[in-house]
Amino acid sequence: MSGSLEVRKFLFTQDDGMSRQGGPSVPAQRSGEPSRISDDQVHRARLAVARSALGTEDCRMLLDMLGLSPGEDGGAPPVQR
């Protein structure tokens, strides 16, 4: 076995505690302001969608569903609001 006895005991108690709680817990919802999506990320996402689309209408529909199409006023896409 690798590791010291103290480390193995610690890992055993942590593992035992997790099994009593019913497995790993669900992460909590993030608090504060959500991370901002950069213009570069939107551009790369649009390219990925365009490469995978079957045609122009398919591309337009996918971009709209993902919030990557320009806003109604031509401004920032919904994913950046």
C-alpha atoms as a PDB file:
ATOM      1  CA  MET A   1       0.000   0.000   0.000  1.00  0.00           C
ATOM      2  CA  SER A   2       1.180   3.503  -0.713  1.00  0.00           C
ATOM      3  CA  GLY A   3       0.937   6.470   1.602  1.00  0.00           C
ATOM      4  CA  SER A   4       1.214   6.804   5.312  1.00  0.00           C
ATOM      5  CA  LEU A   5      -1.160   5.244   7.805  1.00  0.00           C
ATOM      6  CA  GLU A   6      -2.597   8.667   8.700  1.00  0.00           C
ATOM      7  CA  VAL A   7      -3.438   9.412   5.067  1.00  0.00           C
ATOM      8  CA  ARG A   8      -5.105   6.023   4.616  1.00  0.00           C
ATOM      9  CA  LYS A   9      -7.141   6.530   7.804  1.00  0.00           C
ATOM     10  CA  PHE A  10      -8.197   9.987   6.653  1.00  0.00           C
ATOM     11  CA  LEU A  11      -9.259   8.693   3.225  1.00  0.00           C
ATOM     12  CA  PHE A  12     -11.143   5.808   4.851  1.00  0.00           C
ATOM     13  CA  THR A  13     -13.088   8.146   7.129  1.00  0.00           C
ATOM     14  CA  GLN A  14     -13.887  10.472   4.214  1.00  0.00           C
ATOM     15  CA  ASP A  15     -15.050   7.558   2.080  1.00  0.00           C
ATOM     16  CA  ASP A  16     -17.111   6.157   4.956  1.00  0.00           C
ATOM     17  CA  GLY A  17     -18.746   9.557   5.527  1.00  0.00           C
ATOM     18  CA  MET A  18     -19.658   9.865   1.850  1.00  0.00           C
ATOM     19  CA  SER A  19     -21.339   6.451   1.807  1.00  0.00           C
ATOM     20  CA  ARG A  20     -23.461   7.365   4.852  1.00  0.00           C
ATOM     21  CA  GLN A  21     -24.628  10.576   3.186  1.00  0.00           C
ATOM     22  CA  GLY A  22     -25.836   8.785   0.098  1.00  0.00           C
ATOM     23  CA  GLY A  23     -22.936   9.580  -2.199  1.00  0.00           C
ATOM     24  CA  PRO A  24     -21.452  12.847  -3.397  1.00  0.00           C
ATOM     25  CA  SER A  25     -23.578  15.926  -2.864  1.00  0.00           C
ATOM     26  CA  VAL A  26     -24.985  18.081  -5.619  1.00  0.00           C
ATOM     27  CA  PRO A  27     -23.014  21.301  -6.112  1.00  0.00           C
ATOM     28  CA  ALA A  28     -24.684  24.468  -4.873  1.00  0.00           C
ATOM     29  CA  GLN A  29     -25.919  27.093  -7.289  1.00  0.00           C
ATOM     30  CA  ARG A  30     -23.341  29.719  -8.116  1.00  0.00           C
ATOM     31  CA  SER A  31     -23.841  33.021  -6.399  1.00  0.00           C
ATOM     32  CA  GLY A  32     -22.961  36.450  -7.636  1.00  0.00           C
ATOM     33  CA  GLU A  33     -22.742  37.611 -11.213  1.00  0.00           C
ATOM     34  CA  PRO A  34     -22.352  34.843 -13.812  1.00  0.00           C
ATOM     35  CA  SER A  35     -19.127  34.784 -15.778  1.00  0.00           C
ATOM     36  CA  ARG A  36     -19.183  36.874 -18.920  1.00  0.00           C
ATOM     37  CA  ILE A  37     -18.816  35.291 -22.332  1.00  0.00           C
ATOM     38  CA  SER A  38     -16.279  37.043 -24.517  1.00  0.00           C
ATOM     39  CA  ASP A  39     -16.753  38.060 -28.142  1.00  0.00           C
ATOM     40  CA  ASP A  40     -14.063  35.531 -29.099  1.00  0.00           C
ATOM     41  CA  GLN A  41     -15.957  32.706 -27.387  1.00  0.00           C
ATOM     42  CA  VAL A  42     -19.158  33.639 -29.227  1.00  0.00           C
ATOM     43  CA  HIS A  43     -17.264  33.768 -32.523  1.00  0.00           C
ATOM     44  CA  ARG A  44     -15.702  30.326 -31.978  1.00  0.00           C
ATOM     45  CA  ALA A  45     -19.068  28.864 -30.938  1.00  0.00           C
ATOM     46  CA  ARG A  46     -20.702  30.258 -34.084  1.00  0.00           C
ATOM     47  CA  LEU A  47     -17.974  28.703 -36.233  1.00  0.00           C
ATOM     48  CA  ALA A  48     -18.419  25.326 -34.537  1.00  0.00           C
ATOM     49  CA  VAL A  49     -22.183  25.446 -35.126  1.00  0.00           C
ATOM     50  CA  ALA A  50     -21.708  26.494 -38.761  1.00  0.00           C
ATOM     51  CA  ARG A  51     -19.276  23.634 -39.398  1.00  0.00           C
ATOM     52  CA  SER A  52     -21.749  21.094 -38.015  1.00  0.00           C
ATOM     53  CA  ALA A  53     -24.915  22.486 -39.606  1.00  0.00           C
ATOM     54  CA  LEU A  54     -26.555  20.674 -42.510  1.00  0.00           C
ATOM     55  CA  GLY A  55     -27.447  23.893 -44.323  1.00  0.00           C
ATOM     56  CA  THR A  56     -28.131  27.579 -43.875  1.00  0.00           C
ATOM     57  CA  GLU A  57     -31.577  27.113 -42.332  1.00  0.00           C
ATOM     58  CA  ASP A  58     -30.222  24.461 -39.967  1.00  0.00           C
ATOM     59  CA  CYS A  59     -27.367  26.797 -38.983  1.00  0.00           C
ATOM     60  CA  ARG A  60     -29.751  29.705 -38.392  1.00  0.00           C
ATOM     61  CA  MET A  61     -32.040  27.536 -36.245  1.00  0.00           C
ATOM     62  CA  LEU A  62     -29.149  26.135 -34.157  1.00  0.00           C
ATOM     63  CA  LEU A  63     -27.633  29.571 -33.573  1.00  0.00           C
ATOM     64  CA  ASP A  64     -31.017  30.876 -32.453  1.00  0.00           C
ATOM     65  CA  MET A  65     -31.643  27.904 -30.133  1.00  0.00           C
ATOM     66  CA  LEU A  66     -28.216  28.333 -28.512  1.00  0.00           C
ATOM     67  CA  GLY A  67     -28.608  32.089 -28.083  1.00  0.00           C
ATOM     68  CA  LEU A  68     -25.750  32.791 -30.468  1.00  0.00           C
ATOM     69  CA  SER A  69     -27.664  34.725 -33.122  1.00  0.00           C
ATOM     70  CA  PRO A  70     -27.549  38.521 -32.940  1.00  0.00           C
ATOM     71  CA  GLY A  71     -30.222  40.161 -30.810  1.00  0.00           C
ATOM     72  CA  GLU A  72     -33.420  41.509 -32.335  1.00  0.00           C
ATOM     73  CA  ASP A  73     -31.915  45.007 -32.377  1.00  0.00           C
ATOM     74  CA  GLY A  74     -28.706  43.693 -34.014  1.00  0.00           C
ATOM     75  CA  GLY A  75     -26.827  44.055 -30.735  1.00  0.00           C
ATOM     76  CA  ALA A  76     -25.224  41.482 -28.482  1.00  0.00           C
ATOM     77  CA  PRO A  77     -26.486  37.910 -28.739  1.00  0.00           C
ATOM     78  CA  PRO A  78     -28.675  36.671 -25.874  1.00  0.00           C
ATOM     79  CA  VAL A  79     -25.854  34.500 -24.555  1.00  0.00           C
ATOM     80  CA  GLN A  80     -23.891  37.668 -23.663  1.00  0.00           C
ATOM     81  CA  ARG A  81     -26.699  39.583 -21.959  1.00  0.00           C
END
